[in-house]
Amino acid sequence: MKTVKQEEMRKEYKRQDLGKGIRGKHFDDYGKGTNLVLLSPDVAAVFPDDVSVNEALRSLMKIARQSAAGTRKHSTVSRLVSRSR
């Protein structure tokens, strides 16, 4: 396959045919919900698409919430026990 340098346009394109660019045209939309991340190759091998990544992260969030809730319950019980003594 033939490679083309980044700064060169293909011969079939002419700059004047492309029209004038508008700076920041998609900036507002980008800020509303786009969150792109770069996965390391070893992680990308295990999670090949956005669905699998989101499922794994949601599972992790659920575990973290349960763990945090368990920690809070334990510390509240410990305080109540120590106050009653």
PDB file of N, CA and C in Angstrom:
ATOM      1  N   MET A   1       0.835  -1.175   0.000  1.00  0.00           N
ATOM      2  CA  MET A   1       0.000   0.000   0.000  1.00  0.00           C
ATOM      3  C   MET A   1       0.881   1.241   0.000  1.00  0.00           C
ATOM      4  N   LYS A   2       0.533   2.205  -0.802  1.00  0.00           N
ATOM      5  CA  LYS A   2       1.302   3.436  -0.923  1.00  0.00           C
ATOM      6  C   LYS A   2       0.954   4.380   0.225  1.00  0.00           C
ATOM      7  N   THR A   3       1.962   4.953   0.850  1.00  0.00           N
ATOM      8  CA  THR A   3       1.712   5.897   1.941  1.00  0.00           C
ATOM      9  C   THR A   3       1.834   7.321   1.429  1.00  0.00           C
ATOM     10  N   VAL A   4       1.039   8.205   2.017  1.00  0.00           N
ATOM     11  CA  VAL A   4       1.040   9.611   1.649  1.00  0.00           C
ATOM     12  C   VAL A   4       1.454  10.407   2.880  1.00  0.00           C
ATOM     13  N   LYS A   5       2.297  11.391   2.685  1.00  0.00           N
ATOM     14  CA  LYS A   5       2.703  12.230   3.806  1.00  0.00           C
ATOM     15  C   LYS A   5       1.484  12.979   4.335  1.00  0.00           C
ATOM     16  N   GLN A   6       1.478  13.213   5.651  1.00  0.00           N
ATOM     17  CA  GLN A   6       0.353  13.891   6.305  1.00  0.00           C
ATOM     18  C   GLN A   6       0.041  15.251   5.693  1.00  0.00           C
ATOM     19  N   GLU A   7       1.038  16.018   5.368  1.00  0.00           N
ATOM     20  CA  GLU A   7       0.808  17.391   4.928  1.00  0.00           C
ATOM     21  C   GLU A   7       0.448  17.507   3.450  1.00  0.00           C
ATOM     22  N   GLU A   8       0.421  16.406   2.722  1.00  0.00           N
ATOM     23  CA  GLU A   8       0.102  16.440   1.302  1.00  0.00           C
ATOM     24  C   GLU A   8      -1.320  15.970   1.053  1.00  0.00           C
ATOM     25  N   MET A   9      -2.016  16.664   0.148  1.00  0.00           N
ATOM     26  CA  MET A   9      -3.335  16.223  -0.265  1.00  0.00           C
ATOM     27  C   MET A   9      -3.197  15.362  -1.512  1.00  0.00           C
ATOM     28  N   ARG A  10      -4.156  14.501  -1.718  1.00  0.00           N
ATOM     29  CA  ARG A  10      -4.145  13.684  -2.915  1.00  0.00           C
ATOM     30  C   ARG A  10      -4.361  14.571  -4.147  1.00  0.00           C
ATOM     31  N   LYS A  11      -3.876  14.109  -5.279  1.00  0.00           N
ATOM     32  CA  LYS A  11      -3.962  14.891  -6.514  1.00  0.00           C
ATOM     33  C   LYS A  11      -5.399  15.185  -6.922  1.00  0.00           C
ATOM     34  N   GLU A  12      -6.339  14.283  -6.611  1.00  0.00           N
ATOM     35  CA  GLU A  12      -7.726  14.487  -7.035  1.00  0.00           C
ATOM     36  C   GLU A  12      -8.462  15.565  -6.233  1.00  0.00           C
ATOM     37  N   TYR A  13      -7.887  15.990  -5.112  1.00  0.00           N
ATOM     38  CA  TYR A  13      -8.493  17.051  -4.307  1.00  0.00           C
ATOM     39  C   TYR A  13      -7.847  18.395  -4.622  1.00  0.00           C
ATOM     40  N   LYS A  14      -8.679  19.400  -4.649  1.00  0.00           N
ATOM     41  CA  LYS A  14      -8.176  20.762  -4.836  1.00  0.00           C
ATOM     42  C   LYS A  14      -8.646  21.585  -3.644  1.00  0.00           C
ATOM     43  N   ARG A  15      -7.765  22.351  -3.082  1.00  0.00           N
ATOM     44  CA  ARG A  15      -8.066  23.123  -1.872  1.00  0.00           C
ATOM     45  C   ARG A  15      -9.281  24.022  -2.071  1.00  0.00           C
ATOM     46  N   GLN A  16      -9.404  24.651  -3.207  1.00  0.00           N
ATOM     47  CA  GLN A  16     -10.518  25.574  -3.449  1.00  0.00           C
ATOM     48  C   GLN A  16     -11.872  24.840  -3.496  1.00  0.00           C
ATOM     49  N   ASP A  17     -11.874  23.546  -3.789  1.00  0.00           N
ATOM     50  CA  ASP A  17     -13.116  22.772  -3.801  1.00  0.00           C
ATOM     51  C   ASP A  17     -13.620  22.438  -2.396  1.00  0.00           C
ATOM     52  N   LEU A  18     -12.754  22.522  -1.421  1.00  0.00           N
ATOM     53  CA  LEU A  18     -13.119  22.145  -0.058  1.00  0.00           C
ATOM     54  C   LEU A  18     -13.847  23.241   0.705  1.00  0.00           C
ATOM     55  N   GLY A  19     -13.766  24.447   0.239  1.00  0.00           N
ATOM     56  CA  GLY A  19     -14.425  25.551   0.923  1.00  0.00           C
ATOM     57  C   GLY A  19     -13.614  26.061   2.096  1.00  0.00           C
ATOM     58  N   LYS A  20     -14.165  27.085   2.728  1.00  0.00           N
ATOM     59  CA  LYS A  20     -13.475  27.697   3.859  1.00  0.00           C
ATOM     60  C   LYS A  20     -13.811  26.926   5.139  1.00  0.00           C
ATOM     61  N   GLY A  21     -12.808  26.593   5.898  1.00  0.00           N
ATOM     62  CA  GLY A  21     -13.022  25.894   7.160  1.00  0.00           C
ATOM     63  C   GLY A  21     -13.540  26.826   8.226  1.00  0.00           C
ATOM     64  N   ILE A  22     -14.265  26.272   9.180  1.00  0.00           N
ATOM     65  CA  ILE A  22     -14.799  27.054  10.290  1.00  0.00           C
ATOM     66  C   ILE A  22     -14.138  26.558  11.568  1.00  0.00           C
ATOM     67  N   ARG A  23     -13.330  27.416  12.169  1.00  0.00           N
ATOM     68  CA  ARG A  23     -12.610  27.037  13.376  1.00  0.00           C
ATOM     69  C   ARG A  23     -13.584  26.852  14.537  1.00  0.00           C
ATOM     70  N   GLY A  24     -13.451  25.728  15.229  1.00  0.00           N
ATOM     71  CA  GLY A  24     -14.269  25.458  16.408  1.00  0.00           C
ATOM     72  C   GLY A  24     -15.696  25.037  16.103  1.00  0.00           C
ATOM     73  N   LYS A  25     -15.981  24.637  14.898  1.00  0.00           N
ATOM     74  CA  LYS A  25     -17.334  24.290  14.472  1.00  0.00           C
ATOM     75  C   LYS A  25     -17.960  23.210  15.367  1.00  0.00           C
ATOM     76  N   HIS A  26     -17.204  22.241  15.793  1.00  0.00           N
ATOM     77  CA  HIS A  26     -17.727  21.131  16.583  1.00  0.00           C
ATOM     78  C   HIS A  26     -17.298  21.201  18.051  1.00  0.00           C
ATOM     79  N   PHE A  27     -16.730  22.311  18.458  1.00  0.00           N
ATOM     80  CA  PHE A  27     -16.184  22.419  19.811  1.00  0.00           C
ATOM     81  C   PHE A  27     -17.252  22.207  20.889  1.00  0.00           C
ATOM     82  N   ASP A  28     -18.414  22.845  20.751  1.00  0.00           N
ATOM     83  CA  ASP A  28     -19.471  22.703  21.758  1.00  0.00           C
ATOM     84  C   ASP A  28     -19.965  21.270  21.862  1.00  0.00           C
ATOM     85  N   ASP A  29     -20.181  20.630  20.712  1.00  0.00           N
ATOM     86  CA  ASP A  29     -20.624  19.238  20.722  1.00  0.00           C
ATOM     87  C   ASP A  29     -19.575  18.342  21.371  1.00  0.00           C
ATOM     88  N   TYR A  30     -18.329  18.603  21.088  1.00  0.00           N
ATOM     89  CA  TYR A  30     -17.245  17.802  21.653  1.00  0.00           C
ATOM     90  C   TYR A  30     -17.259  17.874  23.179  1.00  0.00           C
ATOM     91  N   GLY A  31     -17.466  19.056  23.704  1.00  0.00           N
ATOM     92  CA  GLY A  31     -17.446  19.242  25.152  1.00  0.00           C
ATOM     93  C   GLY A  31     -18.638  18.656  25.869  1.00  0.00           C
ATOM     94  N   LYS A  32     -19.709  18.357  25.151  1.00  0.00           N
ATOM     95  CA  LYS A  32     -20.933  17.868  25.782  1.00  0.00           C
ATOM     96  C   LYS A  32     -20.894  16.395  26.165  1.00  0.00           C
ATOM     97  N   GLY A  33     -19.991  15.633  25.622  1.00  0.00           N
ATOM     98  CA  GLY A  33     -20.052  14.227  25.995  1.00  0.00           C
ATOM     99  C   GLY A  33     -19.002  13.346  25.367  1.00  0.00           C
ATOM    100  N   THR A  34     -18.156  13.890  24.597  1.00  0.00           N
ATOM    101  CA  THR A  34     -17.121  13.063  24.009  1.00  0.00           C
ATOM    102  C   THR A  34     -16.011  12.884  25.028  1.00  0.00           C
ATOM    103  N   ASN A  35     -15.659  11.644  25.248  1.00  0.00           N
ATOM    104  CA  ASN A  35     -14.590  11.356  26.182  1.00  0.00           C
ATOM    105  C   ASN A  35     -13.759  10.227  25.585  1.00  0.00           C
ATOM    106  N   LEU A  36     -12.785  10.585  24.816  1.00  0.00           N
ATOM    107  CA  LEU A  36     -11.946   9.595  24.165  1.00  0.00           C
ATOM    108  C   LEU A  36     -10.754   9.271  25.045  1.00  0.00           C
ATOM    109  N   VAL A  37     -10.433   8.005  25.117  1.00  0.00           N
ATOM    110  CA  VAL A  37      -9.253   7.581  25.864  1.00  0.00           C
ATOM    111  C   VAL A  37      -8.449   6.619  25.003  1.00  0.00           C
ATOM    112  N   LEU A  38      -7.190   6.604  25.217  1.00  0.00           N
ATOM    113  CA  LEU A  38      -6.305   5.698  24.490  1.00  0.00           C
ATOM    114  C   LEU A  38      -5.999   4.509  25.388  1.00  0.00           C
ATOM    115  N   LEU A  39      -6.364   3.321  24.913  1.00  0.00           N
ATOM    116  CA  LEU A  39      -6.105   2.116  25.689  1.00  0.00           C
ATOM    117  C   LEU A  39      -4.723   1.587  25.359  1.00  0.00           C
ATOM    118  N   SER A  40      -4.045   1.089  26.363  1.00  0.00           N
ATOM    119  CA  SER A  40      -2.761   0.434  26.131  1.00  0.00           C
ATOM    120  C   SER A  40      -3.017  -0.825  25.309  1.00  0.00           C
ATOM    121  N   PRO A  41      -2.048  -1.242  24.527  1.00  0.00           N
ATOM    122  CA  PRO A  41      -2.257  -2.408  23.656  1.00  0.00           C
ATOM    123  C   PRO A  41      -2.710  -3.665  24.395  1.00  0.00           C
ATOM    124  N   ASP A  42      -2.173  -3.916  25.595  1.00  0.00           N
ATOM    125  CA  ASP A  42      -2.581  -5.110  26.334  1.00  0.00           C
ATOM    126  C   ASP A  42      -4.033  -5.025  26.802  1.00  0.00           C
ATOM    127  N   VAL A  43      -4.482  -3.835  27.148  1.00  0.00           N
ATOM    128  CA  VAL A  43      -5.874  -3.642  27.560  1.00  0.00           C
ATOM    129  C   VAL A  43      -6.789  -3.745  26.345  1.00  0.00           C
ATOM    130  N   ALA A  44      -6.401  -3.129  25.244  1.00  0.00           N
ATOM    131  CA  ALA A  44      -7.200  -3.169  24.021  1.00  0.00           C
ATOM    132  C   ALA A  44      -7.369  -4.597  23.503  1.00  0.00           C
ATOM    133  N   ALA A  45      -6.400  -5.450  23.761  1.00  0.00           N
ATOM    134  CA  ALA A  45      -6.501  -6.850  23.323  1.00  0.00           C
ATOM    135  C   ALA A  45      -7.606  -7.588  24.076  1.00  0.00           C
ATOM    136  N   VAL A  46      -7.848  -7.198  25.316  1.00  0.00           N
ATOM    137  CA  VAL A  46      -8.867  -7.841  26.136  1.00  0.00           C
ATOM    138  C   VAL A  46     -10.235  -7.203  25.911  1.00  0.00           C
ATOM    139  N   PHE A  47     -10.255  -5.896  25.671  1.00  0.00           N
ATOM    140  CA  PHE A  47     -11.493  -5.153  25.468  1.00  0.00           C
ATOM    141  C   PHE A  47     -11.504  -4.572  24.051  1.00  0.00           C
ATOM    142  N   PRO A  48     -11.995  -5.331  23.096  1.00  0.00           N
ATOM    143  CA  PRO A  48     -11.888  -4.925  21.696  1.00  0.00           C
ATOM    144  C   PRO A  48     -12.844  -3.829  21.247  1.00  0.00           C
ATOM    145  N   ASP A  49     -13.872  -3.508  22.053  1.00  0.00           N
ATOM    146  CA  ASP A  49     -14.816  -2.483  21.616  1.00  0.00           C
ATOM    147  C   ASP A  49     -15.349  -1.702  22.815  1.00  0.00           C
ATOM    148  N   ASP A  50     -16.105  -0.636  22.517  1.00  0.00           N
ATOM    149  CA  ASP A  50     -16.603   0.233  23.583  1.00  0.00           C
ATOM    150  C   ASP A  50     -17.595  -0.481  24.493  1.00  0.00           C
ATOM    151  N   VAL A  51     -18.357  -1.408  23.969  1.00  0.00           N
ATOM    152  CA  VAL A  51     -19.336  -2.132  24.784  1.00  0.00           C
ATOM    153  C   VAL A  51     -18.638  -2.925  25.888  1.00  0.00           C
ATOM    154  N   SER A  52     -17.589  -3.646  25.536  1.00  0.00           N
ATOM    155  CA  SER A  52     -16.884  -4.453  26.533  1.00  0.00           C
ATOM    156  C   SER A  52     -16.177  -3.588  27.569  1.00  0.00           C
ATOM    157  N   VAL A  53     -15.637  -2.470  27.150  1.00  0.00           N
ATOM    158  CA  VAL A  53     -14.986  -1.549  28.094  1.00  0.00           C
ATOM    159  C   VAL A  53     -16.019  -0.987  29.061  1.00  0.00           C
ATOM    160  N   ASN A  54     -17.164  -0.542  28.540  1.00  0.00           N
ATOM    161  CA  ASN A  54     -18.201   0.022  29.400  1.00  0.00           C
ATOM    162  C   ASN A  54     -18.752  -1.009  30.375  1.00  0.00           C
ATOM    163  N   GLU A  55     -18.961  -2.245  29.930  1.00  0.00           N
ATOM    164  CA  GLU A  55     -19.442  -3.296  30.834  1.00  0.00           C
ATOM    165  C   GLU A  55     -18.448  -3.535  31.970  1.00  0.00           C
ATOM    166  N   ALA A  56     -17.172  -3.602  31.634  1.00  0.00           N
ATOM    167  CA  ALA A  56     -16.151  -3.835  32.657  1.00  0.00           C
ATOM    168  C   ALA A  56     -16.091  -2.675  33.648  1.00  0.00           C
ATOM    169  N   LEU A  57     -16.159  -1.457  33.145  1.00  0.00           N
ATOM    170  CA  LEU A  57     -16.100  -0.295  34.040  1.00  0.00           C
ATOM    171  C   LEU A  57     -17.334  -0.201  34.925  1.00  0.00           C
ATOM    172  N   ARG A  58     -18.506  -0.534  34.371  1.00  0.00           N
ATOM    173  CA  ARG A  58     -19.722  -0.521  35.195  1.00  0.00           C
ATOM    174  C   ARG A  58     -19.654  -1.569  36.295  1.00  0.00           C
ATOM    175  N   SER A  59     -19.107  -2.729  35.972  1.00  0.00           N
ATOM    176  CA  SER A  59     -18.936  -3.768  36.998  1.00  0.00           C
ATOM    177  C   SER A  59     -17.993  -3.296  38.094  1.00  0.00           C
ATOM    178  N   LEU A  60     -16.917  -2.668  37.694  1.00  0.00           N
ATOM    179  CA  LEU A  60     -15.964  -2.136  38.661  1.00  0.00           C
ATOM    180  C   LEU A  60     -16.601  -1.049  39.520  1.00  0.00           C
ATOM    181  N   MET A  61     -17.415  -0.187  38.910  1.00  0.00           N
ATOM    182  CA  MET A  61     -18.117   0.858  39.670  1.00  0.00           C
ATOM    183  C   MET A  61     -19.050   0.241  40.706  1.00  0.00           C
ATOM    184  N   LYS A  62     -19.757  -0.826  40.324  1.00  0.00           N
ATOM    185  CA  LYS A  62     -20.676  -1.493  41.245  1.00  0.00           C
ATOM    186  C   LYS A  62     -19.915  -2.089  42.423  1.00  0.00           C
ATOM    187  N   ILE A  63     -18.805  -2.739  42.146  1.00  0.00           N
ATOM    188  CA  ILE A  63     -17.982  -3.324  43.209  1.00  0.00           C
ATOM    189  C   ILE A  63     -17.443  -2.233  44.128  1.00  0.00           C
ATOM    190  N   ALA A  64     -16.996  -1.134  43.553  1.00  0.00           N
ATOM    191  CA  ALA A  64     -16.457  -0.029  44.360  1.00  0.00           C
ATOM    192  C   ALA A  64     -17.541   0.563  45.252  1.00  0.00           C
ATOM    193  N   ARG A  65     -18.754   0.718  44.720  1.00  0.00           N
ATOM    194  CA  ARG A  65     -19.863   1.253  45.525  1.00  0.00           C
ATOM    195  C   ARG A  65     -20.208   0.314  46.671  1.00  0.00           C
ATOM    196  N   GLN A  66     -20.259  -0.984  46.365  1.00  0.00           N
ATOM    197  CA  GLN A  66     -20.567  -1.961  47.412  1.00  0.00           C
ATOM    198  C   GLN A  66     -19.485  -1.976  48.479  1.00  0.00           C
ATOM    199  N   SER A  67     -18.252  -1.877  48.048  1.00  0.00           N
ATOM    200  CA  SER A  67     -17.133  -1.861  48.983  1.00  0.00           C
ATOM    201  C   SER A  67     -17.183  -0.611  49.853  1.00  0.00           C
ATOM    202  N   ALA A  68     -17.462   0.532  49.235  1.00  0.00           N
ATOM    203  CA  ALA A  68     -17.541   1.790  49.990  1.00  0.00           C
ATOM    204  C   ALA A  68     -18.715   1.757  50.953  1.00  0.00           C
ATOM    205  N   ALA A  69     -19.843   1.208  50.534  1.00  0.00           N
ATOM    206  CA  ALA A  69     -21.010   1.116  51.405  1.00  0.00           C
ATOM    207  C   ALA A  69     -20.721   0.190  52.583  1.00  0.00           C
ATOM    208  N   GLY A  70     -20.029  -0.903  52.321  1.00  0.00           N
ATOM    209  CA  GLY A  70     -19.656  -1.823  53.399  1.00  0.00           C
ATOM    210  C   GLY A  70     -18.702  -1.188  54.385  1.00  0.00           C
ATOM    211  N   THR A  71     -17.775  -0.392  53.899  1.00  0.00           N
ATOM    212  CA  THR A  71     -16.816   0.300  54.754  1.00  0.00           C
ATOM    213  C   THR A  71     -17.536   1.317  55.628  1.00  0.00           C
ATOM    214  N   ARG A  72     -18.471   2.053  55.036  1.00  0.00           N
ATOM    215  CA  ARG A  72     -19.207   3.059  55.802  1.00  0.00           C
ATOM    216  C   ARG A  72     -20.060   2.401  56.883  1.00  0.00           C
ATOM    217  N   LYS A  73     -20.723   1.299  56.540  1.00  0.00           N
ATOM    218  CA  LYS A  73     -21.556   0.606  57.529  1.00  0.00           C
ATOM    219  C   LYS A  73     -20.706   0.115  58.690  1.00  0.00           C
ATOM    220  N   HIS A  74     -19.554  -0.444  58.367  1.00  0.00           N
ATOM    221  CA  HIS A  74     -18.669  -0.972  59.394  1.00  0.00           C
ATOM    222  C   HIS A  74     -18.183   0.147  60.315  1.00  0.00           C
ATOM    223  N   SER A  75     -17.780   1.262  59.748  1.00  0.00           N
ATOM    224  CA  SER A  75     -17.256   2.348  60.577  1.00  0.00           C
ATOM    225  C   SER A  75     -18.362   2.958  61.435  1.00  0.00           C
ATOM    226  N   THR A  76     -19.597   3.010  60.920  1.00  0.00           N
ATOM    227  CA  THR A  76     -20.717   3.522  61.701  1.00  0.00           C
ATOM    228  C   THR A  76     -21.017   2.580  62.860  1.00  0.00           C
ATOM    229  N   VAL A  77     -21.025   1.286  62.592  1.00  0.00           N
ATOM    230  CA  VAL A  77     -21.266   0.300  63.651  1.00  0.00           C
ATOM    231  C   VAL A  77     -20.164   0.380  64.700  1.00  0.00           C
ATOM    232  N   SER A  78     -18.921   0.519  64.275  1.00  0.00           N
ATOM    233  CA  SER A  78     -17.807   0.614  65.223  1.00  0.00           C
ATOM    234  C   SER A  78     -17.957   1.825  66.126  1.00  0.00           C
ATOM    235  N   ARG A  79     -18.385   2.952  65.566  1.00  0.00           N
ATOM    236  CA  ARG A  79     -18.554   4.157  66.385  1.00  0.00           C
ATOM    237  C   ARG A  79     -19.688   3.971  67.388  1.00  0.00           C
ATOM    238  N   LEU A  80     -20.775   3.331  66.957  1.00  0.00           N
ATOM    239  CA  LEU A  80     -21.893   3.123  67.863  1.00  0.00           C
ATOM    240  C   LEU A  80     -21.509   2.178  69.000  1.00  0.00           C
ATOM    241  N   VAL A  81     -20.764   1.141  68.698  1.00  0.00           N
ATOM    242  CA  VAL A  81     -20.325   0.196  69.724  1.00  0.00           C
ATOM    243  C   VAL A  81     -19.401   0.882  70.714  1.00  0.00           C
ATOM    244  N   SER A  82     -18.442   1.661  70.201  1.00  0.00           N
ATOM    245  CA  SER A  82     -17.500   2.329  71.103  1.00  0.00           C
ATOM    246  C   SER A  82     -18.188   3.389  71.962  1.00  0.00           C
ATOM    247  N   ARG A  83     -19.264   4.009  71.470  1.00  0.00           N
ATOM    248  CA  ARG A  83     -19.991   5.008  72.274  1.00  0.00           C
ATOM    249  C   ARG A  83     -20.782   4.343  73.394  1.00  0.00           C
ATOM    250  N   SER A  84     -21.274   3.133  73.153  1.00  0.00           N
ATOM    251  CA  SER A  84     -22.105   2.471  74.144  1.00  0.00           C
ATOM    252  C   SER A  84     -21.287   1.912  75.310  1.00  0.00           C
ATOM    253  N   ARG A  85     -19.999   1.807  75.178  1.00  0.00           N
ATOM    254  CA  ARG A  85     -19.150   1.255  76.240  1.00  0.00           C
ATOM    255  C   ARG A  85     -18.891   2.223  77.326  1.00  0.00           C
TER     256      ARG A  85
END
